[in-house]
ModelCIF file with pLDDT and N, C-alpha, C, O atoms, coordinates in Angstrom:
data_MODEL
#
_entry.id   MODEL 
#
_entity.id                         1 
_entity.type                       polymer 
_entity.pdbx_number_of_molecules   1 
#
_entity_poly.entity_id                      1 
_entity_poly.type                           'polypeptide(L)' 
_entity_poly.nstd_linkage                   no 
_entity_poly.nstd_monomer                   no 
_entity_poly.pdbx_seq_one_letter_code       DSLKQTVVMDSLGGGAVEQVVPLFRATNAARYSRGNVAGEAGFSVAR 
_entity_poly.pdbx_seq_one_letter_code_can   DSLKQTVVMDSLGGGAVEQVVPLFRATNAARYSRGNVAGEAGFSVAR 
_entity_poly.pdbx_strand_id                 A 
#
loop_
_entity_poly_seq.entity_id 
_entity_poly_seq.num 
_entity_poly_seq.mon_id 
_entity_poly_seq.hetero 
1 1  ASP n 
1 2  SER n 
1 3  LEU n 
1 4  LYS n 
1 5  GLN n 
1 6  THR n 
1 7  VAL n 
1 8  VAL n 
1 9  MET n 
1 10 ASP n 
1 11 SER n 
1 12 LEU n 
1 13 GLY n 
1 14 GLY n 
1 15 GLY n 
1 16 ALA n 
1 17 VAL n 
1 18 GLU n 
1 19 GLN n 
1 20 VAL n 
1 21 VAL n 
1 22 PRO n 
1 23 LEU n 
1 24 PHE n 
1 25 ARG n 
1 26 ALA n 
1 27 THR n 
1 28 ASN n 
1 29 ALA n 
1 30 ALA n 
1 31 ARG n 
1 32 TYR n 
1 33 SER n 
1 34 ARG n 
1 35 GLY n 
1 36 ASN n 
1 37 VAL n 
1 38 ALA n 
1 39 GLY n 
1 40 GLU n 
1 41 ALA n 
1 42 GLY n 
1 43 PHE n 
1 44 SER n 
1 45 VAL n 
1 46 ALA n 
1 47 ARG n 
#
_struct_asym.id          A 
_struct_asym.entity_id   1 
#
loop_
_ma_qa_metric.id 
_ma_qa_metric.mode 
_ma_qa_metric.name 
_ma_qa_metric.software_group_id 
_ma_qa_metric.type 
1 global pLDDT . pLDDT 
2 local  pLDDT . pLDDT 
#
_ma_qa_metric_global.metric_id      1 
_ma_qa_metric_global.metric_value   89.96 
_ma_qa_metric_global.model_id       1 
_ma_qa_metric_global.ordinal_id     1 
#
loop_
_ma_qa_metric_local.label_asym_id 
_ma_qa_metric_local.label_comp_id 
_ma_qa_metric_local.label_seq_id 
_ma_qa_metric_local.metric_id 
_ma_qa_metric_local.metric_value 
_ma_qa_metric_local.model_id 
_ma_qa_metric_local.ordinal_id 
A ASP 1  2 92.00 1 1  
A SER 2  2 91.00 1 2  
A LEU 3  2 91.00 1 3  
A LYS 4  2 89.00 1 4  
A GLN 5  2 91.00 1 5  
A THR 6  2 92.00 1 6  
A VAL 7  2 94.00 1 7  
A VAL 8  2 94.00 1 8  
A MET 9  2 93.00 1 9  
A ASP 10 2 92.00 1 10 
A SER 11 2 91.00 1 11 
A LEU 12 2 89.00 1 12 
A GLY 13 2 87.00 1 13 
A GLY 14 2 86.00 1 14 
A GLY 15 2 86.00 1 15 
A ALA 16 2 84.00 1 16 
A VAL 17 2 83.00 1 17 
A GLU 18 2 87.00 1 18 
A GLN 19 2 90.00 1 19 
A VAL 20 2 93.00 1 20 
A VAL 21 2 94.00 1 21 
A PRO 22 2 92.00 1 22 
A LEU 23 2 92.00 1 23 
A PHE 24 2 91.00 1 24 
A ARG 25 2 89.00 1 25 
A ALA 26 2 89.00 1 26 
A THR 27 2 90.00 1 27 
A ASN 28 2 92.00 1 28 
A ALA 29 2 93.00 1 29 
A ALA 30 2 92.00 1 30 
A ARG 31 2 91.00 1 31 
A TYR 32 2 89.00 1 32 
A SER 33 2 87.00 1 33 
A ARG 34 2 81.00 1 34 
A GLY 35 2 76.00 1 35 
A ASN 36 2 80.00 1 36 
A VAL 37 2 82.00 1 37 
A ALA 38 2 84.00 1 38 
A GLY 39 2 89.00 1 39 
A GLU 40 2 93.00 1 40 
A ALA 41 2 94.00 1 41 
A GLY 42 2 95.00 1 42 
A PHE 43 2 96.00 1 43 
A SER 44 2 96.00 1 44 
A VAL 45 2 96.00 1 45 
A ALA 46 2 96.00 1 46 
A ARG 47 2 94.00 1 47 
#
loop_
_atom_site.group_PDB 
_atom_site.id 
_atom_site.type_symbol 
_atom_site.label_atom_id 
_atom_site.label_alt_id 
_atom_site.label_comp_id 
_atom_site.label_asym_id 
_atom_site.label_entity_id 
_atom_site.label_seq_id 
_atom_site.pdbx_PDB_ins_code 
_atom_site.Cartn_x 
_atom_site.Cartn_y 
_atom_site.Cartn_z 
_atom_site.occupancy 
_atom_site.B_iso_or_equiv 
_atom_site.pdbx_formal_charge 
_atom_site.auth_seq_id 
_atom_site.auth_comp_id 
_atom_site.auth_asym_id 
_atom_site.auth_atom_id 
_atom_site.pdbx_PDB_model_num 
ATOM 1   N N  . ASP A 1 1  ? -15.267 -14.559 13.542  1.00 92.00 ? 1  ASP A N  1 
ATOM 2   C CA . ASP A 1 1  ? -16.815 -14.964 12.960  1.00 92.00 ? 1  ASP A CA 1 
ATOM 3   C C  . ASP A 1 1  ? -17.553 -16.253 13.781  1.00 92.00 ? 1  ASP A C  1 
ATOM 4   O O  . ASP A 1 1  ? -18.777 -16.294 13.904  1.00 92.00 ? 1  ASP A O  1 
ATOM 5   N N  . SER A 1 2  ? -16.863 -17.055 14.200  1.00 91.00 ? 2  SER A N  1 
ATOM 6   C CA . SER A 1 2  ? -17.061 -18.459 14.959  1.00 91.00 ? 2  SER A CA 1 
ATOM 7   C C  . SER A 1 2  ? -17.870 -18.010 15.966  1.00 91.00 ? 2  SER A C  1 
ATOM 8   O O  . SER A 1 2  ? -18.954 -18.552 16.183  1.00 91.00 ? 2  SER A O  1 
ATOM 9   N N  . LEU A 1 3  ? -17.238 -16.545 16.978  1.00 91.00 ? 3  LEU A N  1 
ATOM 10  C CA . LEU A 1 3  ? -18.168 -16.412 17.913  1.00 91.00 ? 3  LEU A CA 1 
ATOM 11  C C  . LEU A 1 3  ? -18.942 -15.267 17.835  1.00 91.00 ? 3  LEU A C  1 
ATOM 12  O O  . LEU A 1 3  ? -18.740 -14.326 18.603  1.00 91.00 ? 3  LEU A O  1 
ATOM 13  N N  . LYS A 1 4  ? -19.904 -15.246 16.893  1.00 89.00 ? 4  LYS A N  1 
ATOM 14  C CA . LYS A 1 4  ? -20.853 -14.280 16.454  1.00 89.00 ? 4  LYS A CA 1 
ATOM 15  C C  . LYS A 1 4  ? -20.356 -12.709 16.472  1.00 89.00 ? 4  LYS A C  1 
ATOM 16  O O  . LYS A 1 4  ? -21.080 -11.721 16.597  1.00 89.00 ? 4  LYS A O  1 
ATOM 17  N N  . GLN A 1 5  ? -19.047 -12.741 16.328  1.00 91.00 ? 5  GLN A N  1 
ATOM 18  C CA . GLN A 1 5  ? -18.529 -11.397 16.204  1.00 91.00 ? 5  GLN A CA 1 
ATOM 19  C C  . GLN A 1 5  ? -18.414 -11.048 14.765  1.00 91.00 ? 5  GLN A C  1 
ATOM 20  O O  . GLN A 1 5  ? -17.443 -11.635 14.286  1.00 91.00 ? 5  GLN A O  1 
ATOM 21  N N  . THR A 1 6  ? -19.198 -10.124 13.672  1.00 92.00 ? 6  THR A N  1 
ATOM 22  C CA . THR A 1 6  ? -19.141 -10.042 12.373  1.00 92.00 ? 6  THR A CA 1 
ATOM 23  C C  . THR A 1 6  ? -17.907 -9.157  12.431  1.00 92.00 ? 6  THR A C  1 
ATOM 24  O O  . THR A 1 6  ? -17.631 -8.211  13.169  1.00 92.00 ? 6  THR A O  1 
ATOM 25  N N  . VAL A 1 7  ? -17.130 -9.843  11.260  1.00 94.00 ? 7  VAL A N  1 
ATOM 26  C CA . VAL A 1 7  ? -15.672 -9.502  10.773  1.00 94.00 ? 7  VAL A CA 1 
ATOM 27  C C  . VAL A 1 7  ? -15.856 -8.962  9.249   1.00 94.00 ? 7  VAL A C  1 
ATOM 28  O O  . VAL A 1 7  ? -16.167 -9.712  8.324   1.00 94.00 ? 7  VAL A O  1 
ATOM 29  N N  . VAL A 1 8  ? -15.632 -7.615  9.110   1.00 94.00 ? 8  VAL A N  1 
ATOM 30  C CA . VAL A 1 8  ? -15.976 -7.148  7.907   1.00 94.00 ? 8  VAL A CA 1 
ATOM 31  C C  . VAL A 1 8  ? -14.564 -6.609  7.212   1.00 94.00 ? 8  VAL A C  1 
ATOM 32  O O  . VAL A 1 8  ? -13.969 -5.891  8.016   1.00 94.00 ? 8  VAL A O  1 
ATOM 33  N N  . MET A 1 9  ? -13.941 -6.731  6.099   1.00 93.00 ? 9  MET A N  1 
ATOM 34  C CA . MET A 1 9  ? -12.643 -6.576  5.882   1.00 93.00 ? 9  MET A CA 1 
ATOM 35  C C  . MET A 1 9  ? -12.867 -5.262  4.782   1.00 93.00 ? 9  MET A C  1 
ATOM 36  O O  . MET A 1 9  ? -13.361 -5.472  3.674   1.00 93.00 ? 9  MET A O  1 
ATOM 37  N N  . ASP A 1 10 ? -12.549 -4.230  5.112   1.00 92.00 ? 10 ASP A N  1 
ATOM 38  C CA . ASP A 1 10 ? -12.419 -2.695  4.472   1.00 92.00 ? 10 ASP A CA 1 
ATOM 39  C C  . ASP A 1 10 ? -11.629 -2.846  3.372   1.00 92.00 ? 10 ASP A C  1 
ATOM 40  O O  . ASP A 1 10 ? -12.009 -2.722  2.207   1.00 92.00 ? 10 ASP A O  1 
ATOM 41  N N  . SER A 1 11 ? -10.124 -3.212  3.875   1.00 91.00 ? 11 SER A N  1 
ATOM 42  C CA . SER A 1 11 ? -8.668  -2.927  2.759   1.00 91.00 ? 11 SER A CA 1 
ATOM 43  C C  . SER A 1 11 ? -7.912  -3.955  3.487   1.00 91.00 ? 11 SER A C  1 
ATOM 44  O O  . SER A 1 11 ? -7.912  -4.439  4.618   1.00 91.00 ? 11 SER A O  1 
ATOM 45  N N  . LEU A 1 12 ? -7.174  -4.113  2.223   1.00 89.00 ? 12 LEU A N  1 
ATOM 46  C CA . LEU A 1 12 ? -5.760  -4.881  2.612   1.00 89.00 ? 12 LEU A CA 1 
ATOM 47  C C  . LEU A 1 12 ? -5.238  -5.170  1.426   1.00 89.00 ? 12 LEU A C  1 
ATOM 48  O O  . LEU A 1 12 ? -5.689  -5.876  0.525   1.00 89.00 ? 12 LEU A O  1 
ATOM 49  N N  . GLY A 1 13 ? -3.548  -4.137  1.553   1.00 87.00 ? 13 GLY A N  1 
ATOM 50  C CA . GLY A 1 13 ? -3.302  -4.024  0.263   1.00 87.00 ? 13 GLY A CA 1 
ATOM 51  C C  . GLY A 1 13 ? -1.756  -3.011  0.835   1.00 87.00 ? 13 GLY A C  1 
ATOM 52  O O  . GLY A 1 13 ? -1.444  -2.674  1.977   1.00 87.00 ? 13 GLY A O  1 
ATOM 53  N N  . GLY A 1 14 ? -1.126  -2.783  -0.346  1.00 86.00 ? 14 GLY A N  1 
ATOM 54  C CA . GLY A 1 14 ? -0.035  -2.025  0.051   1.00 86.00 ? 14 GLY A CA 1 
ATOM 55  C C  . GLY A 1 14 ? 0.668   -1.566  -1.331  1.00 86.00 ? 14 GLY A C  1 
ATOM 56  O O  . GLY A 1 14 ? 0.123   -1.596  -2.434  1.00 86.00 ? 14 GLY A O  1 
ATOM 57  N N  . GLY A 1 15 ? 1.823   -1.188  -1.091  1.00 86.00 ? 15 GLY A N  1 
ATOM 58  C CA . GLY A 1 15 ? 2.465   -0.456  -2.572  1.00 86.00 ? 15 GLY A CA 1 
ATOM 59  C C  . GLY A 1 15 ? 3.839   -0.291  -2.079  1.00 86.00 ? 15 GLY A C  1 
ATOM 60  O O  . GLY A 1 15 ? 4.069   -0.115  -0.882  1.00 86.00 ? 15 GLY A O  1 
ATOM 61  N N  . ALA A 1 16 ? 4.866   -0.351  -3.084  1.00 84.00 ? 16 ALA A N  1 
ATOM 62  C CA . ALA A 1 16 ? 6.138   -0.162  -3.182  1.00 84.00 ? 16 ALA A CA 1 
ATOM 63  C C  . ALA A 1 16 ? 6.367   1.236   -2.897  1.00 84.00 ? 16 ALA A C  1 
ATOM 64  O O  . ALA A 1 16 ? 5.617   2.112   -3.326  1.00 84.00 ? 16 ALA A O  1 
ATOM 65  N N  . VAL A 1 17 ? 7.544   1.507   -2.072  1.00 83.00 ? 17 VAL A N  1 
ATOM 66  C CA . VAL A 1 17 ? 8.322   3.028   -1.948  1.00 83.00 ? 17 VAL A CA 1 
ATOM 67  C C  . VAL A 1 17 ? 9.135   3.240   -3.407  1.00 83.00 ? 17 VAL A C  1 
ATOM 68  O O  . VAL A 1 17 ? 10.020  2.515   -3.862  1.00 83.00 ? 17 VAL A O  1 
ATOM 69  N N  . GLU A 1 18 ? 8.574   4.429   -3.986  1.00 87.00 ? 18 GLU A N  1 
ATOM 70  C CA . GLU A 1 18 ? 9.525   4.595   -4.998  1.00 87.00 ? 18 GLU A CA 1 
ATOM 71  C C  . GLU A 1 18 ? 10.058  5.887   -5.035  1.00 87.00 ? 18 GLU A C  1 
ATOM 72  O O  . GLU A 1 18 ? 9.479   6.888   -4.613  1.00 87.00 ? 18 GLU A O  1 
ATOM 73  N N  . GLN A 1 19 ? 11.458  5.846   -5.676  1.00 90.00 ? 19 GLN A N  1 
ATOM 74  C CA . GLN A 1 19 ? 12.170  7.554   -5.855  1.00 90.00 ? 19 GLN A CA 1 
ATOM 75  C C  . GLN A 1 19 ? 11.857  7.763   -7.254  1.00 90.00 ? 19 GLN A C  1 
ATOM 76  O O  . GLN A 1 19 ? 11.904  6.889   -8.119  1.00 90.00 ? 19 GLN A O  1 
ATOM 77  N N  . VAL A 1 20 ? 11.542  8.944   -7.419  1.00 93.00 ? 20 VAL A N  1 
ATOM 78  C CA . VAL A 1 20 ? 11.358  9.546   -9.053  1.00 93.00 ? 20 VAL A CA 1 
ATOM 79  C C  . VAL A 1 20 ? 12.512  10.792  -9.157  1.00 93.00 ? 20 VAL A C  1 
ATOM 80  O O  . VAL A 1 20 ? 12.477  11.842  -8.516  1.00 93.00 ? 20 VAL A O  1 
ATOM 81  N N  . VAL A 1 21 ? 13.099  10.557  -9.721  1.00 94.00 ? 21 VAL A N  1 
ATOM 82  C CA . VAL A 1 21 ? 14.109  11.639  -10.095 1.00 94.00 ? 21 VAL A CA 1 
ATOM 83  C C  . VAL A 1 21 ? 13.718  12.168  -11.645 1.00 94.00 ? 21 VAL A C  1 
ATOM 84  O O  . VAL A 1 21 ? 13.524  11.379  -12.569 1.00 94.00 ? 21 VAL A O  1 
ATOM 85  N N  . PRO A 1 22 ? 13.639  13.571  -11.773 1.00 92.00 ? 22 PRO A N  1 
ATOM 86  C CA . PRO A 1 22 ? 13.952  13.982  -13.069 1.00 92.00 ? 22 PRO A CA 1 
ATOM 87  C C  . PRO A 1 22 ? 15.482  14.210  -13.228 1.00 92.00 ? 22 PRO A C  1 
ATOM 88  O O  . PRO A 1 22 ? 16.323  14.573  -12.407 1.00 92.00 ? 22 PRO A O  1 
ATOM 89  N N  . LEU A 1 23 ? 15.603  13.789  -14.918 1.00 92.00 ? 23 LEU A N  1 
ATOM 90  C CA . LEU A 1 23 ? 16.941  14.110  -15.238 1.00 92.00 ? 23 LEU A CA 1 
ATOM 91  C C  . LEU A 1 23 ? 17.208  15.238  -16.302 1.00 92.00 ? 23 LEU A C  1 
ATOM 92  O O  . LEU A 1 23 ? 16.461  15.599  -17.211 1.00 92.00 ? 23 LEU A O  1 
ATOM 93  N N  . PHE A 1 24 ? 18.026  15.545  -16.082 1.00 91.00 ? 24 PHE A N  1 
ATOM 94  C CA . PHE A 1 24 ? 18.287  16.945  -16.721 1.00 91.00 ? 24 PHE A CA 1 
ATOM 95  C C  . PHE A 1 24 ? 18.263  16.727  -18.326 1.00 91.00 ? 24 PHE A C  1 
ATOM 96  O O  . PHE A 1 24 ? 19.217  16.070  -18.743 1.00 91.00 ? 24 PHE A O  1 
ATOM 97  N N  . ARG A 1 25 ? 17.396  17.139  -19.226 1.00 89.00 ? 25 ARG A N  1 
ATOM 98  C CA . ARG A 1 25 ? 17.195  16.831  -20.694 1.00 89.00 ? 25 ARG A CA 1 
ATOM 99  C C  . ARG A 1 25 ? 16.618  15.659  -21.130 1.00 89.00 ? 25 ARG A C  1 
ATOM 100 O O  . ARG A 1 25 ? 16.556  15.399  -22.331 1.00 89.00 ? 25 ARG A O  1 
ATOM 101 N N  . ALA A 1 26 ? 16.117  14.800  -20.130 1.00 89.00 ? 26 ALA A N  1 
ATOM 102 C CA . ALA A 1 26 ? 15.463  13.477  -20.511 1.00 89.00 ? 26 ALA A CA 1 
ATOM 103 C C  . ALA A 1 26 ? 13.914  13.364  -20.820 1.00 89.00 ? 26 ALA A C  1 
ATOM 104 O O  . ALA A 1 26 ? 13.072  14.059  -20.252 1.00 89.00 ? 26 ALA A O  1 
ATOM 105 N N  . THR A 1 27 ? 13.708  12.670  -21.522 1.00 90.00 ? 27 THR A N  1 
ATOM 106 C CA . THR A 1 27 ? 12.350  12.458  -21.778 1.00 90.00 ? 27 THR A CA 1 
ATOM 107 C C  . THR A 1 27 ? 11.839  12.138  -20.601 1.00 90.00 ? 27 THR A C  1 
ATOM 108 O O  . THR A 1 27 ? 11.067  12.957  -20.101 1.00 90.00 ? 27 THR A O  1 
ATOM 109 N N  . ASN A 1 28 ? 12.088  11.073  -19.976 1.00 92.00 ? 28 ASN A N  1 
ATOM 110 C CA . ASN A 1 28 ? 11.271  10.133  -18.733 1.00 92.00 ? 28 ASN A CA 1 
ATOM 111 C C  . ASN A 1 28 ? 12.332  10.345  -17.698 1.00 92.00 ? 28 ASN A C  1 
ATOM 112 O O  . ASN A 1 28 ? 13.556  10.401  -17.818 1.00 92.00 ? 28 ASN A O  1 
ATOM 113 N N  . ALA A 1 29 ? 11.407  10.467  -16.457 1.00 93.00 ? 29 ALA A N  1 
ATOM 114 C CA . ALA A 1 29 ? 12.602  10.264  -15.046 1.00 93.00 ? 29 ALA A CA 1 
ATOM 115 C C  . ALA A 1 29 ? 12.930  9.031   -14.841 1.00 93.00 ? 29 ALA A C  1 
ATOM 116 O O  . ALA A 1 29 ? 12.455  8.000   -15.317 1.00 93.00 ? 29 ALA A O  1 
ATOM 117 N N  . ALA A 1 30 ? 13.851  9.213   -14.032 1.00 92.00 ? 30 ALA A N  1 
ATOM 118 C CA . ALA A 1 30 ? 14.253  8.070   -13.792 1.00 92.00 ? 30 ALA A CA 1 
ATOM 119 C C  . ALA A 1 30 ? 13.645  7.463   -12.389 1.00 92.00 ? 30 ALA A C  1 
ATOM 120 O O  . ALA A 1 30 ? 13.289  8.179   -11.454 1.00 92.00 ? 30 ALA A O  1 
ATOM 121 N N  . ARG A 1 31 ? 13.584  6.061   -12.393 1.00 91.00 ? 31 ARG A N  1 
ATOM 122 C CA . ARG A 1 31 ? 12.506  5.472   -11.104 1.00 91.00 ? 31 ARG A CA 1 
ATOM 123 C C  . ARG A 1 31 ? 13.327  4.506   -10.479 1.00 91.00 ? 31 ARG A C  1 
ATOM 124 O O  . ARG A 1 31 ? 13.940  3.675   -11.149 1.00 91.00 ? 31 ARG A O  1 
ATOM 125 N N  . TYR A 1 32 ? 13.389  4.552   -9.189  1.00 89.00 ? 32 TYR A N  1 
ATOM 126 C CA . TYR A 1 32 ? 14.189  3.824   -8.331  1.00 89.00 ? 32 TYR A CA 1 
ATOM 127 C C  . TYR A 1 32 ? 13.239  3.072   -7.183  1.00 89.00 ? 32 TYR A C  1 
ATOM 128 O O  . TYR A 1 32 ? 12.577  3.725   -6.377  1.00 89.00 ? 32 TYR A O  1 
ATOM 129 N N  . SER A 1 33 ? 13.258  1.697   -7.212  1.00 87.00 ? 33 SER A N  1 
ATOM 130 C CA . SER A 1 33 ? 12.500  1.061   -6.042  1.00 87.00 ? 33 SER A CA 1 
ATOM 131 C C  . SER A 1 33 ? 13.428  0.988   -4.731  1.00 87.00 ? 33 SER A C  1 
ATOM 132 O O  . SER A 1 33 ? 14.605  0.625   -4.736  1.00 87.00 ? 33 SER A O  1 
ATOM 133 N N  . ARG A 1 34 ? 12.834  1.318   -3.827  1.00 81.00 ? 34 ARG A N  1 
ATOM 134 C CA . ARG A 1 34 ? 13.981  1.589   -2.661  1.00 81.00 ? 34 ARG A CA 1 
ATOM 135 C C  . ARG A 1 34 ? 13.708  0.089   -1.468  1.00 81.00 ? 34 ARG A C  1 
ATOM 136 O O  . ARG A 1 34 ? 14.227  0.013   -0.354  1.00 81.00 ? 34 ARG A O  1 
ATOM 137 N N  . GLY A 1 35 ? 12.838  -0.898  -2.047  1.00 76.00 ? 35 GLY A N  1 
ATOM 138 C CA . GLY A 1 35 ? 12.845  -2.057  -1.548  1.00 76.00 ? 35 GLY A CA 1 
ATOM 139 C C  . GLY A 1 35 ? 12.117  -1.888  -0.277  1.00 76.00 ? 35 GLY A C  1 
ATOM 140 O O  . GLY A 1 35 ? 12.502  -2.524  0.704   1.00 76.00 ? 35 GLY A O  1 
ATOM 141 N N  . ASN A 1 36 ? 11.002  -1.014  -0.184  1.00 80.00 ? 36 ASN A N  1 
ATOM 142 C CA . ASN A 1 36 ? 10.247  -0.644  1.293   1.00 80.00 ? 36 ASN A CA 1 
ATOM 143 C C  . ASN A 1 36 ? 9.088   -1.097  0.460   1.00 80.00 ? 36 ASN A C  1 
ATOM 144 O O  . ASN A 1 36 ? 9.061   -1.253  -0.761  1.00 80.00 ? 36 ASN A O  1 
ATOM 145 N N  . VAL A 1 37 ? 7.979   -1.312  1.486   1.00 82.00 ? 37 VAL A N  1 
ATOM 146 C CA . VAL A 1 37 ? 6.413   -1.563  1.251   1.00 82.00 ? 37 VAL A CA 1 
ATOM 147 C C  . VAL A 1 37 ? 5.820   -1.224  2.357   1.00 82.00 ? 37 VAL A C  1 
ATOM 148 O O  . VAL A 1 37 ? 6.216   -1.575  3.468   1.00 82.00 ? 37 VAL A O  1 
ATOM 149 N N  . ALA A 1 38 ? 4.836   -0.524  2.146   1.00 84.00 ? 38 ALA A N  1 
ATOM 150 C CA . ALA A 1 38 ? 3.860   0.217   3.053   1.00 84.00 ? 38 ALA A CA 1 
ATOM 151 C C  . ALA A 1 38 ? 2.667   0.027   2.473   1.00 84.00 ? 38 ALA A C  1 
ATOM 152 O O  . ALA A 1 38 ? 2.381   0.336   1.316   1.00 84.00 ? 38 ALA A O  1 
ATOM 153 N N  . GLY A 1 39 ? 1.815   -0.587  3.440   1.00 89.00 ? 39 GLY A N  1 
ATOM 154 C CA . GLY A 1 39 ? 0.389   -1.135  3.479   1.00 89.00 ? 39 GLY A CA 1 
ATOM 155 C C  . GLY A 1 39 ? -0.485  -0.835  4.466   1.00 89.00 ? 39 GLY A C  1 
ATOM 156 O O  . GLY A 1 39 ? -0.161  -0.376  5.561   1.00 89.00 ? 39 GLY A O  1 
ATOM 157 N N  . GLU A 1 40 ? -1.770  -1.120  4.050   1.00 93.00 ? 40 GLU A N  1 
ATOM 158 C CA . GLU A 1 40 ? -3.085  -0.964  5.126   1.00 93.00 ? 40 GLU A CA 1 
ATOM 159 C C  . GLU A 1 40 ? -3.679  -1.923  5.176   1.00 93.00 ? 40 GLU A C  1 
ATOM 160 O O  . GLU A 1 40 ? -3.759  -2.592  4.146   1.00 93.00 ? 40 GLU A O  1 
ATOM 161 N N  . ALA A 1 41 ? -4.331  -2.375  6.384   1.00 94.00 ? 41 ALA A N  1 
ATOM 162 C CA . ALA A 1 41 ? -5.129  -3.203  6.626   1.00 94.00 ? 41 ALA A CA 1 
ATOM 163 C C  . ALA A 1 41 ? -6.227  -2.472  7.508   1.00 94.00 ? 41 ALA A C  1 
ATOM 164 O O  . ALA A 1 41 ? -5.898  -1.756  8.454   1.00 94.00 ? 41 ALA A O  1 
ATOM 165 N N  . GLY A 1 42 ? -7.689  -2.712  7.110   1.00 95.00 ? 42 GLY A N  1 
ATOM 166 C CA . GLY A 1 42 ? -8.517  -2.264  7.982   1.00 95.00 ? 42 GLY A CA 1 
ATOM 167 C C  . GLY A 1 42 ? -9.846  -3.207  7.818   1.00 95.00 ? 42 GLY A C  1 
ATOM 168 O O  . GLY A 1 42 ? -10.157 -3.645  6.710   1.00 95.00 ? 42 GLY A O  1 
ATOM 169 N N  . PHE A 1 43 ? -10.451 -3.432  8.752   1.00 96.00 ? 43 PHE A N  1 
ATOM 170 C CA . PHE A 1 43 ? -11.793 -4.361  8.934   1.00 96.00 ? 43 PHE A CA 1 
ATOM 171 C C  . PHE A 1 43 ? -12.518 -3.676  9.997   1.00 96.00 ? 43 PHE A C  1 
ATOM 172 O O  . PHE A 1 43 ? -11.916 -2.853  10.686  1.00 96.00 ? 43 PHE A O  1 
ATOM 173 N N  . SER A 1 44 ? -13.981 -3.979  10.238  1.00 96.00 ? 44 SER A N  1 
ATOM 174 C CA . SER A 1 44 ? -14.862 -3.443  11.346  1.00 96.00 ? 44 SER A CA 1 
ATOM 175 C C  . SER A 1 44 ? -15.162 -5.042  12.179  1.00 96.00 ? 44 SER A C  1 
ATOM 176 O O  . SER A 1 44 ? -15.168 -6.098  11.545  1.00 96.00 ? 44 SER A O  1 
ATOM 177 N N  . VAL A 1 45 ? -15.392 -4.968  13.639  1.00 96.00 ? 45 VAL A N  1 
ATOM 178 C CA . VAL A 1 45 ? -15.721 -5.859  14.101  1.00 96.00 ? 45 VAL A CA 1 
ATOM 179 C C  . VAL A 1 45 ? -16.928 -5.368  14.972  1.00 96.00 ? 45 VAL A C  1 
ATOM 180 O O  . VAL A 1 45 ? -16.806 -4.424  15.752  1.00 96.00 ? 45 VAL A O  1 
ATOM 181 N N  . ALA A 1 46 ? -18.083 -6.047  14.801  1.00 96.00 ? 46 ALA A N  1 
ATOM 182 C CA . ALA A 1 46 ? -19.447 -5.785  15.552  1.00 96.00 ? 46 ALA A CA 1 
ATOM 183 C C  . ALA A 1 46 ? -19.212 -6.923  16.420  1.00 96.00 ? 46 ALA A C  1 
ATOM 184 O O  . ALA A 1 46 ? -18.652 -7.952  16.039  1.00 96.00 ? 46 ALA A O  1 
ATOM 185 N N  . ARG A 1 47 ? -19.638 -6.727  17.564  1.00 94.00 ? 47 ARG A N  1 
ATOM 186 C CA . ARG A 1 47 ? -19.734 -7.566  18.646  1.00 94.00 ? 47 ARG A CA 1 
ATOM 187 C C  . ARG A 1 47 ? -20.906 -7.071  19.835  1.00 94.00 ? 47 ARG A C  1 
ATOM 188 O O  . ARG A 1 47 ? -21.079 -7.746  20.849  1.00 94.00 ? 47 ARG A O  1 
#
């Protein structure tokens, strides 16, 4: 921005990768965090 290049952030964030396993005769599925994080960063630059 200090060089008159307009920077506009569109997205910045992420989420944890999760494994969901339905269990036999269970009311709720088992949910396991796999320790991975996947995210996105998006922005526009006009010059």
